[in-house]
Amino acid sequence: MARQADGPAVTRGLSVWDAVAILVGVVVGIGIFGFPPLVAQNAPNAASYMGLWIAGGLVMLVGALCYAELGSAYPDAGGEYAFLGRAWGADVALLFAWARCSIIQTGAIAAVAFIFGDYAHVLMPLGEHGPAIYAALVVAALTVLNVLGSTESRRVQRVLTVASVLALVALALGGLIMGEGGAATSAGGAALAAAESSTAGASPGWRELPGMLGMGMVFVLLTYGGWNEAAYLSGEIRDVGRNMLRVLLLGTAIIVALYVLVNFAYLQVFGLDGLRSTQAVGADMTRLLAGPWAAVVLSLLVCCTALSTVNACIFTGGRVYVSLGRDVPALKKLGAWSETRETPDRALWLQGIITLALVLFGAYAESGLQAMVAYTSPVFWLFMLLTALALIRLRQRDPSHARPFRVPLYPLMPLVLAAMCLGLFWSSVVYAGAGSLLGLLVLAAGLPLCWLRRRKVSPG
């Protein structure tokens, strides 16, 4: 077992494949069913469309390499909390911990839970607030599962991740077979062909092209979002100095290969113009493949991927409280670690309660999912920007520290990651409206934590 400085003993029980299953489970979610048409609308041709998805994978790889250096050099259950504290000071780290507890992680869990609820409601309606009821039930059930023990949660995660990946591969292969047979010969294909002819237009000029591709990349990167959760596994991965890089590279390779395969299948079935015009690419794909059973097949597929994401996010989300309780005496009990269950049980309970409160808030919003995305996005990208820059700052402030892995092409890679985060932060603030303002106000409400930390060193 590894003991965080002045903190509880944290068991290093995660194998490489445990961590890869969690990483893939977090990233591979419902974005692949919603964002491809938006990417296609910002791609002038099929080659650039596929190029955007490959470029997004390269950006994810850049981020993964940066996090591999940070995670292997400074392994800690707090993940980004530990990196930010070392680089920018305790106050920034505490504000991040507050944001993760009240905005970033809990909001992300609630958002995906709402997606699960929407599709579970298709399978078995529960009335006006059915999606919110399903969302609350899945949050409560998976929180209990994680409290029962890390081993139980890891086993379920492996099953959910494998099922999600296999289901997406099956969908992609079915699409490729359908595309080879000529989707336009079917009734659905005829409609898609008509859509293609109606949406065909002039190619964008060279002045418009960079802006189009940039907006397309925004949607691609949203689909790839979540890979940074590997940082919260660094305190529990066996032989982290060697295995942190393996986890990130294996996870990245699986995710990029899966997304490229699925998007190639979309192009084979719909063509680029047809993909631009479809409002629900996943539904249209399953309709062509499964006919009258399309709604059921798609709902089961989305529910499976959503469950995988929610469970993985709950697992990683509770870890930051361990480091928070270590550094803020008033919150010491919150960071308690159960050595028998290998899990921060009190932190998981609190995370579950906050998430359920956000589900209740989202239940009375016009769209629970959109409310959660607007609430979380600006704060998320702000702190990832600071984490990218933390790598450069720690190289400067702590040059003699052992680094089992060093990011290549330094400092280019962390600067690329920082630039991406800055652009997405600005886009989130501009386009998310009042929801983004609410998230930033909740972040500011965490400032009293800095005073609580200073009580640790004050006399008497």
Protein backbone atom coordinates (compact mmCIF):
# COMPACT_ATOMS: atom_id res chain seq x y z
CA MET A 1 0.00 0.00 0.00
CA ALA A 2 1.05 3.59 -0.64
CA ARG A 3 0.50 6.28 1.94
CA GLN A 4 -0.14 9.79 0.75
CA ALA A 5 1.91 12.31 2.71
CA ASP A 6 0.26 12.73 6.14
CA GLY A 7 -2.77 10.90 4.82
CA PRO A 8 -4.48 7.52 4.74
CA ALA A 9 -2.97 4.42 3.21
CA VAL A 10 -4.16 3.98 -0.36
CA THR A 11 -3.96 0.48 -1.81
CA ARG A 12 -2.21 0.15 -5.17
CA GLY A 13 -4.60 -2.50 -6.43
CA LEU A 14 -5.27 -1.36 -9.99
CA SER A 15 -3.76 -3.42 -12.79
CA VAL A 16 -3.04 -1.88 -16.20
CA TRP A 17 -6.21 -3.37 -17.65
CA ASP A 18 -8.33 -2.22 -14.69
CA ALA A 19 -7.15 1.33 -15.32
CA VAL A 20 -7.60 1.03 -19.11
CA ALA A 21 -11.18 -0.22 -18.59
CA ILE A 22 -11.94 2.80 -16.42
CA LEU A 23 -10.31 5.23 -18.86
CA VAL A 24 -12.11 3.81 -21.91
CA GLY A 25 -15.35 3.67 -19.92
CA VAL A 26 -15.14 7.38 -19.10
CA VAL A 27 -14.35 8.52 -22.65
CA VAL A 28 -16.45 6.22 -24.82
CA GLY A 29 -19.91 7.58 -24.20
CA ILE A 30 -22.88 9.02 -25.98
CA GLY A 31 -20.94 11.77 -27.76
CA ILE A 32 -20.25 9.42 -30.66
CA PHE A 33 -24.03 9.31 -31.30
CA GLY A 34 -24.55 13.08 -31.20
CA PHE A 35 -21.52 15.05 -32.36
CA PRO A 36 -20.56 13.48 -35.74
CA PRO A 37 -23.23 15.42 -37.72
CA LEU A 38 -21.96 18.67 -36.18
CA VAL A 39 -18.41 17.74 -37.16
CA ALA A 40 -19.58 16.91 -40.70
CA GLN A 41 -21.23 20.32 -41.02
CA ASN A 42 -17.80 21.88 -40.46
CA ALA A 43 -15.83 19.60 -42.78
CA PRO A 44 -15.59 20.53 -46.49
CA ASN A 45 -15.09 16.92 -47.63
CA ALA A 46 -14.94 13.34 -46.37
CA ALA A 47 -11.14 13.35 -46.10
CA SER A 48 -11.12 16.40 -43.84
CA TYR A 49 -13.95 14.86 -41.78
CA MET A 50 -11.87 11.78 -41.04
CA GLY A 51 -8.82 13.99 -40.61
CA LEU A 52 -10.57 15.89 -37.81
CA TRP A 53 -11.24 12.66 -35.90
CA ILE A 54 -7.64 11.52 -36.33
CA ALA A 55 -6.39 14.99 -35.31
CA GLY A 56 -8.61 14.83 -32.22
CA GLY A 57 -7.01 11.52 -31.34
CA LEU A 58 -3.57 13.11 -31.68
CA VAL A 59 -4.62 15.93 -29.36
CA MET A 60 -5.81 13.32 -26.87
CA LEU A 61 -2.43 11.61 -27.23
CA VAL A 62 -0.66 14.92 -26.49
CA GLY A 63 -2.76 15.32 -23.36
CA ALA A 64 -2.17 11.70 -22.36
CA LEU A 65 1.61 12.13 -22.66
CA CYS A 66 1.48 15.26 -20.51
CA TYR A 67 -0.58 13.48 -17.88
CA ALA A 68 1.72 10.46 -18.05
CA GLU A 69 4.64 12.65 -16.93
CA LEU A 70 2.62 14.31 -14.16
CA GLY A 71 1.01 11.08 -12.95
CA SER A 72 4.20 9.02 -12.91
CA ALA A 73 6.26 11.79 -11.27
CA TYR A 74 3.67 12.79 -8.67
CA PRO A 75 1.34 9.81 -8.11
CA ASP A 76 -1.52 10.81 -5.85
CA ALA A 77 -5.16 9.79 -5.41
CA GLY A 78 -6.01 13.48 -5.81
CA GLY A 79 -4.77 13.54 -9.41
CA GLU A 80 -4.96 17.08 -10.79
CA TYR A 81 -5.45 18.40 -7.27
CA ALA A 82 -1.91 17.29 -6.40
CA PHE A 83 -0.41 18.66 -9.63
CA LEU A 84 -2.08 22.06 -9.22
CA GLY A 85 -1.08 22.30 -5.58
CA ARG A 86 2.57 21.67 -6.33
CA ALA A 87 2.62 24.08 -9.25
CA TRP A 88 0.32 26.94 -8.26
CA GLY A 89 -0.09 26.65 -4.50
CA ALA A 90 -2.60 25.26 -2.03
CA ASP A 91 -5.30 27.87 -2.66
CA VAL A 92 -5.60 26.99 -6.36
CA ALA A 93 -5.64 23.28 -5.49
CA LEU A 94 -8.40 23.79 -2.95
CA LEU A 95 -10.50 25.78 -5.39
CA PHE A 96 -10.06 22.95 -7.89
CA ALA A 97 -11.11 20.37 -5.30
CA TRP A 98 -14.18 22.45 -4.51
CA ALA A 99 -14.95 22.78 -8.23
CA ARG A 100 -14.56 19.06 -8.84
CA CYS A 101 -16.79 18.20 -5.89
CA SER A 102 -19.54 20.74 -6.63
CA ILE A 103 -19.33 21.34 -10.39
CA ILE A 104 -17.01 19.31 -12.62
CA GLN A 105 -17.36 15.68 -11.61
CA THR A 106 -20.78 15.76 -10.04
CA GLY A 107 -22.14 17.76 -12.98
CA ALA A 108 -20.60 15.32 -15.46
CA ILE A 109 -22.07 12.33 -13.63
CA ALA A 110 -25.49 13.99 -13.55
CA ALA A 111 -25.28 14.85 -17.28
CA VAL A 112 -24.56 11.27 -18.33
CA ALA A 113 -27.17 9.99 -15.86
CA PHE A 114 -29.75 12.17 -17.62
CA ILE A 115 -28.75 10.60 -20.94
CA PHE A 116 -29.22 7.16 -19.42
CA GLY A 117 -32.59 8.32 -18.12
CA ASP A 118 -33.73 9.60 -21.51
CA TYR A 119 -33.05 6.26 -23.21
CA ALA A 120 -34.21 4.07 -20.32
CA HIS A 121 -37.46 6.03 -20.43
CA VAL A 122 -37.90 4.87 -24.05
CA LEU A 123 -37.67 1.26 -22.91
CA MET A 124 -39.93 1.67 -19.87
CA PRO A 125 -41.70 5.04 -19.44
CA LEU A 126 -42.17 6.33 -15.87
CA GLY A 127 -44.25 9.44 -16.44
CA GLU A 128 -43.41 13.12 -16.82
CA HIS A 129 -40.21 13.01 -14.74
CA GLY A 130 -39.22 9.50 -15.82
CA PRO A 131 -35.74 10.46 -17.15
CA ALA A 132 -34.88 12.25 -13.91
CA ILE A 133 -36.11 9.28 -11.84
CA TYR A 134 -33.93 6.91 -13.87
CA ALA A 135 -30.99 9.30 -13.52
CA ALA A 136 -31.37 9.41 -9.74
CA LEU A 137 -31.71 5.63 -9.51
CA VAL A 138 -28.55 4.94 -11.50
CA VAL A 139 -26.52 7.48 -9.49
CA ALA A 140 -27.73 5.97 -6.22
CA ALA A 141 -27.18 2.35 -7.31
CA LEU A 142 -23.66 2.87 -8.68
CA THR A 143 -22.66 4.96 -5.68
CA VAL A 144 -23.66 2.07 -3.41
CA LEU A 145 -21.72 -0.33 -5.65
CA ASN A 146 -18.56 1.78 -5.32
CA VAL A 147 -18.99 2.13 -1.56
CA LEU A 148 -19.24 -1.65 -1.25
CA GLY A 149 -15.72 -1.96 -2.60
CA SER A 150 -13.20 -1.10 -5.28
CA THR A 151 -13.00 -4.74 -6.38
CA GLU A 152 -16.75 -4.95 -7.06
CA SER A 153 -16.72 -1.68 -8.98
CA ARG A 154 -13.73 -2.72 -11.08
CA ARG A 155 -15.39 -6.00 -12.03
CA VAL A 156 -18.57 -4.25 -13.14
CA GLN A 157 -16.52 -1.66 -15.02
CA ARG A 158 -14.67 -4.31 -17.01
CA VAL A 159 -17.97 -5.89 -18.08
CA LEU A 160 -19.58 -2.55 -18.99
CA THR A 161 -16.54 -1.32 -20.92
CA VAL A 162 -16.15 -4.54 -22.91
CA ALA A 163 -19.89 -4.59 -23.67
CA SER A 164 -19.84 -0.96 -24.83
CA VAL A 165 -16.81 -1.43 -27.06
CA LEU A 166 -18.15 -4.64 -28.61
CA ALA A 167 -21.54 -3.04 -29.23
CA LEU A 168 -19.96 -0.05 -30.99
CA VAL A 169 -17.74 -2.34 -33.06
CA ALA A 170 -20.81 -4.36 -34.06
CA LEU A 171 -22.64 -1.14 -35.02
CA ALA A 172 -19.66 0.01 -37.10
CA LEU A 173 -19.21 -3.34 -38.86
CA GLY A 174 -22.92 -3.47 -39.60
CA GLY A 175 -22.69 0.01 -41.07
CA LEU A 176 -19.70 -0.93 -43.21
CA ILE A 177 -21.53 -3.98 -44.58
CA MET A 178 -24.64 -1.91 -45.22
CA GLY A 179 -22.55 0.78 -46.91
CA GLU A 180 -20.87 -1.73 -49.18
CA GLY A 181 -24.27 -3.05 -50.20
CA GLY A 182 -25.45 0.44 -51.11
CA ALA A 183 -27.70 1.98 -48.50
CA ALA A 184 -29.38 4.08 -51.19
CA THR A 185 -31.15 0.96 -52.52
CA SER A 186 -33.26 0.74 -49.35
CA ALA A 187 -36.08 3.07 -48.36
CA GLY A 188 -33.94 4.61 -45.67
CA GLY A 189 -31.06 4.96 -48.12
CA ALA A 190 -33.30 6.72 -50.65
CA ALA A 191 -34.25 9.31 -48.05
CA LEU A 192 -30.62 9.82 -47.20
CA ALA A 193 -29.72 10.22 -50.87
CA ALA A 194 -32.40 12.89 -51.20
CA ALA A 195 -31.00 14.65 -48.15
CA GLU A 196 -27.54 14.57 -49.71
CA SER A 197 -28.68 16.29 -52.87
CA SER A 198 -30.59 18.95 -50.95
CA THR A 199 -27.69 19.82 -48.68
CA ALA A 200 -24.94 19.87 -51.27
CA GLY A 201 -23.47 23.34 -51.65
CA ALA A 202 -20.45 25.32 -52.63
CA SER A 203 -17.13 24.55 -51.01
CA PRO A 204 -16.03 27.08 -48.37
CA GLY A 205 -13.41 29.68 -49.27
CA TRP A 206 -9.96 29.67 -47.79
CA ARG A 207 -10.96 32.41 -45.35
CA GLU A 208 -13.87 30.43 -43.92
CA LEU A 209 -12.05 27.10 -43.85
CA PRO A 210 -9.93 27.60 -40.67
CA GLY A 211 -12.96 28.69 -38.66
CA MET A 212 -15.01 25.74 -39.89
CA LEU A 213 -12.31 23.23 -39.09
CA GLY A 214 -11.74 24.83 -35.70
CA MET A 215 -15.42 24.50 -34.78
CA GLY A 216 -15.39 20.92 -36.01
CA MET A 217 -12.43 20.22 -33.76
CA VAL A 218 -14.37 21.60 -30.77
CA PHE A 219 -17.04 18.92 -31.25
CA VAL A 220 -14.43 16.22 -31.86
CA LEU A 221 -12.62 17.09 -28.62
CA LEU A 222 -15.89 17.05 -26.69
CA THR A 223 -16.40 13.48 -27.94
CA TYR A 224 -12.89 12.56 -26.77
CA GLY A 225 -13.42 14.24 -23.38
CA GLY A 226 -12.70 12.44 -20.11
CA TRP A 227 -9.23 10.98 -20.71
CA ASN A 228 -7.83 13.19 -17.91
CA GLU A 229 -9.63 10.99 -15.37
CA ALA A 230 -6.61 8.68 -15.52
CA ALA A 231 -4.85 11.20 -13.26
CA TYR A 232 -7.01 10.02 -10.34
CA LEU A 233 -5.82 6.47 -10.78
CA SER A 234 -2.12 7.32 -10.37
CA GLY A 235 -2.24 6.78 -6.62
CA GLU A 236 -3.62 3.24 -7.05
CA ILE A 237 -1.91 1.86 -10.17
CA ARG A 238 0.66 -0.86 -9.51
CA ASP A 239 4.21 0.22 -10.44
CA VAL A 240 2.90 3.62 -11.51
CA GLY A 241 6.27 4.82 -12.83
CA ARG A 242 6.16 2.19 -15.57
CA ASN A 243 2.44 1.55 -15.96
CA MET A 244 1.00 5.07 -16.07
CA LEU A 245 2.25 5.57 -19.62
CA ARG A 246 1.01 2.11 -20.64
CA VAL A 247 -2.48 2.86 -19.35
CA LEU A 248 -2.72 6.15 -21.22
CA LEU A 249 -1.25 4.84 -24.48
CA LEU A 250 -3.38 1.67 -24.51
CA GLY A 251 -6.52 3.58 -23.60
CA THR A 252 -5.85 6.23 -26.24
CA ALA A 253 -5.19 3.62 -28.93
CA ILE A 254 -8.45 1.76 -28.18
CA ILE A 255 -10.53 4.94 -28.12
CA VAL A 256 -9.06 6.44 -31.30
CA ALA A 257 -9.36 3.16 -33.22
CA LEU A 258 -12.98 2.77 -32.13
CA TYR A 259 -13.97 6.33 -33.03
CA VAL A 260 -12.24 6.20 -36.43
CA LEU A 261 -13.96 2.89 -37.23
CA VAL A 262 -17.42 4.16 -36.22
CA ASN A 263 -17.04 7.42 -38.16
CA PHE A 264 -15.80 5.61 -41.25
CA ALA A 265 -18.93 3.47 -41.03
CA TYR A 266 -21.08 6.62 -40.76
CA LEU A 267 -19.52 7.92 -43.97
CA GLN A 268 -20.04 4.59 -45.74
CA VAL A 269 -23.73 4.56 -44.85
CA PHE A 270 -24.73 8.21 -45.09
CA GLY A 271 -22.08 9.95 -47.16
CA LEU A 272 -20.84 13.32 -45.91
CA ASP A 273 -23.91 15.30 -47.03
CA GLY A 274 -26.27 12.75 -45.57
CA LEU A 275 -24.35 12.82 -42.31
CA ARG A 276 -24.63 16.62 -42.21
CA SER A 277 -28.40 16.46 -42.54
CA THR A 278 -29.23 13.74 -40.04
CA GLN A 279 -30.47 14.92 -36.67
CA ALA A 280 -29.74 11.66 -34.84
CA VAL A 281 -27.02 9.65 -36.52
CA GLY A 282 -27.15 6.78 -34.04
CA ALA A 283 -30.91 6.41 -34.44
CA ASP A 284 -30.68 6.57 -38.24
CA MET A 285 -27.89 3.99 -38.30
CA THR A 286 -29.75 1.54 -36.09
CA ARG A 287 -32.94 2.12 -38.09
CA LEU A 288 -31.16 0.96 -41.22
CA LEU A 289 -29.62 -2.01 -39.43
CA ALA A 290 -32.39 -3.10 -37.07
CA GLY A 291 -35.58 -1.83 -38.73
CA PRO A 292 -38.56 -1.78 -36.33
CA TRP A 293 -36.32 -2.74 -33.41
CA ALA A 294 -34.13 0.34 -33.89
CA ALA A 295 -35.41 2.28 -30.89
CA VAL A 296 -34.88 -0.65 -28.56
CA VAL A 297 -31.41 -1.50 -29.93
CA LEU A 298 -30.22 2.11 -29.74
CA SER A 299 -31.64 2.60 -26.25
CA LEU A 300 -29.89 -0.52 -24.98
CA LEU A 301 -26.60 0.56 -26.58
CA VAL A 302 -26.74 4.09 -25.16
CA CYS A 303 -27.79 2.81 -21.72
CA CYS A 304 -24.80 0.44 -21.68
CA THR A 305 -22.29 3.15 -22.61
CA ALA A 306 -23.88 5.61 -20.17
CA LEU A 307 -23.69 3.10 -17.30
CA SER A 308 -20.02 2.50 -18.10
CA THR A 309 -19.30 6.24 -18.02
CA VAL A 310 -21.26 6.92 -14.83
CA ASN A 311 -19.61 4.08 -12.92
CA ALA A 312 -16.11 5.11 -14.04
CA CYS A 313 -16.76 8.76 -13.14
CA ILE A 314 -18.06 7.84 -9.69
CA PHE A 315 -14.99 5.65 -9.13
CA THR A 316 -12.48 8.38 -10.03
CA GLY A 317 -14.54 11.26 -8.62
CA GLY A 318 -14.31 10.18 -5.00
CA ARG A 319 -10.51 10.04 -5.03
CA VAL A 320 -9.85 13.80 -4.83
CA TYR A 321 -11.55 13.98 -1.43
CA VAL A 322 -8.76 11.86 0.05
CA SER A 323 -6.19 14.55 -0.71
CA LEU A 324 -8.60 17.33 0.24
CA GLY A 325 -9.15 15.80 3.68
CA ARG A 326 -5.38 15.46 4.09
CA ASP A 327 -4.74 19.15 3.46
CA VAL A 328 -7.76 20.74 5.19
CA PRO A 329 -7.97 19.64 8.85
CA ALA A 330 -11.66 20.55 9.06
CA LEU A 331 -12.36 18.04 6.28
CA LYS A 332 -10.06 15.26 7.51
CA LYS A 333 -12.90 12.82 8.15
CA LEU A 334 -14.19 13.36 4.64
CA GLY A 335 -10.94 12.00 3.21
CA ALA A 336 -11.09 8.75 5.19
CA TRP A 337 -9.98 5.70 3.18
CA SER A 338 -11.41 2.24 3.88
CA GLU A 339 -8.49 -0.18 3.61
CA THR A 340 -10.78 -3.23 3.66
CA ARG A 341 -12.93 -1.98 0.76
CA GLU A 342 -10.10 -0.02 -0.91
CA THR A 343 -12.36 2.99 -1.41
CA PRO A 344 -13.07 6.47 0.05
CA ASP A 345 -16.54 5.58 1.28
CA ARG A 346 -17.48 8.87 2.99
CA ALA A 347 -16.36 10.85 -0.04
CA LEU A 348 -18.45 8.64 -2.33
CA TRP A 349 -21.55 9.21 -0.19
CA LEU A 350 -21.05 13.00 -0.32
CA GLN A 351 -20.42 12.91 -4.07
CA GLY A 352 -23.62 10.91 -4.53
CA ILE A 353 -25.66 13.39 -2.48
CA ILE A 354 -24.34 16.39 -4.44
CA THR A 355 -24.98 14.61 -7.74
CA LEU A 356 -28.55 13.78 -6.72
CA ALA A 357 -29.10 17.45 -5.86
CA LEU A 358 -27.92 18.39 -9.37
CA VAL A 359 -30.24 15.76 -10.86
CA LEU A 360 -33.11 17.39 -8.97
CA PHE A 361 -32.05 20.79 -10.33
CA GLY A 362 -31.83 19.43 -13.87
CA ALA A 363 -35.24 17.76 -13.58
CA TYR A 364 -36.90 21.18 -13.56
CA ALA A 365 -34.68 22.73 -16.26
CA GLU A 366 -35.78 22.78 -19.90
CA SER A 367 -33.07 20.21 -20.67
CA GLY A 368 -31.26 18.47 -17.84
CA LEU A 369 -28.36 17.51 -20.11
CA GLN A 370 -27.84 21.00 -21.56
CA ALA A 371 -28.06 22.54 -18.09
CA MET A 372 -25.32 20.24 -16.79
CA VAL A 373 -23.04 20.84 -19.80
CA ALA A 374 -23.37 24.63 -19.49
CA TYR A 375 -22.78 24.42 -15.73
CA THR A 376 -19.60 22.34 -15.92
CA SER A 377 -17.78 23.19 -19.15
CA PRO A 378 -16.07 26.57 -18.44
CA VAL A 379 -14.76 25.49 -15.03
CA PHE A 380 -13.52 22.17 -16.41
CA TRP A 381 -11.49 23.75 -19.22
CA LEU A 382 -10.12 26.47 -16.93
CA PHE A 383 -8.53 23.96 -14.58
CA MET A 384 -7.29 21.70 -17.38
CA LEU A 385 -5.54 24.79 -18.79
CA LEU A 386 -3.83 25.32 -15.43
CA THR A 387 -2.88 21.63 -15.29
CA ALA A 388 -1.23 21.78 -18.72
CA LEU A 389 0.79 24.82 -17.66
CA ALA A 390 1.61 23.08 -14.34
CA LEU A 391 3.82 20.62 -16.22
CA ILE A 392 6.01 23.49 -17.45
CA ARG A 393 6.04 25.18 -14.05
CA LEU A 394 7.01 21.98 -12.23
CA ARG A 395 9.86 21.34 -14.67
CA GLN A 396 11.16 24.80 -13.77
CA ARG A 397 10.53 24.69 -10.02
CA ASP A 398 11.46 21.07 -9.38
CA PRO A 399 14.06 20.13 -12.02
CA SER A 400 15.75 17.43 -9.93
CA HIS A 401 12.56 15.50 -9.16
CA ALA A 402 12.53 11.94 -10.51
CA ARG A 403 10.40 11.65 -13.65
CA PRO A 404 10.01 8.04 -14.84
CA PHE A 405 8.56 9.44 -18.06
CA ARG A 406 9.25 12.78 -19.75
CA VAL A 407 6.90 14.15 -22.39
CA PRO A 408 8.65 14.37 -25.77
CA LEU A 409 8.99 17.66 -27.69
CA TYR A 410 8.85 19.63 -24.45
CA PRO A 411 7.56 22.37 -24.07
CA LEU A 412 5.59 22.14 -27.34
CA MET A 413 3.20 19.42 -26.20
CA PRO A 414 2.02 21.07 -22.95
CA LEU A 415 1.68 24.38 -24.82
CA VAL A 416 -0.52 22.71 -27.47
CA LEU A 417 -2.69 21.24 -24.73
CA ALA A 418 -2.91 24.62 -22.98
CA ALA A 419 -3.90 26.40 -26.20
CA MET A 420 -6.65 23.86 -26.84
CA CYS A 421 -8.00 24.30 -23.30
CA LEU A 422 -7.95 28.09 -23.57
CA GLY A 423 -9.96 27.99 -26.78
CA LEU A 424 -12.54 25.62 -25.33
CA PHE A 425 -12.79 27.67 -22.13
CA TRP A 426 -13.56 30.79 -24.15
CA SER A 427 -16.09 28.97 -26.33
CA SER A 428 -17.82 27.57 -23.24
CA VAL A 429 -18.12 30.99 -21.59
CA VAL A 430 -19.41 32.65 -24.76
CA TYR A 431 -21.90 30.00 -25.87
CA ALA A 432 -23.11 28.38 -22.64
CA GLY A 433 -24.89 31.52 -21.40
CA ALA A 434 -26.35 31.75 -17.91
CA GLY A 435 -25.41 28.16 -17.07
CA SER A 436 -21.71 28.95 -17.39
CA LEU A 437 -22.13 32.00 -15.14
CA LEU A 438 -23.76 29.81 -12.49
CA GLY A 439 -20.83 27.39 -12.59
CA LEU A 440 -18.31 30.23 -12.19
CA LEU A 441 -20.32 31.69 -9.28
CA VAL A 442 -20.31 28.32 -7.52
CA LEU A 443 -16.53 28.19 -8.08
CA ALA A 444 -16.18 31.59 -6.38
CA ALA A 445 -18.29 30.31 -3.48
CA GLY A 446 -15.43 27.92 -2.66
CA LEU A 447 -13.07 30.75 -1.65
CA PRO A 448 -13.77 30.21 2.11
CA LEU A 449 -11.89 26.90 1.78
CA CYS A 450 -8.69 28.93 1.55
CA TRP A 451 -9.45 30.39 4.98
CA LEU A 452 -10.08 26.90 6.37
CA ARG A 453 -6.70 25.77 5.09
CA ARG A 454 -4.92 28.70 6.74
CA ARG A 455 -6.39 27.69 10.11
CA LYS A 456 -3.99 24.75 9.92
CA VAL A 457 -0.98 27.03 10.37
CA SER A 458 -2.46 29.80 12.51
CA PRO A 459 -1.38 29.97 16.19
CA GLY A 460 -3.54 28.48 18.88
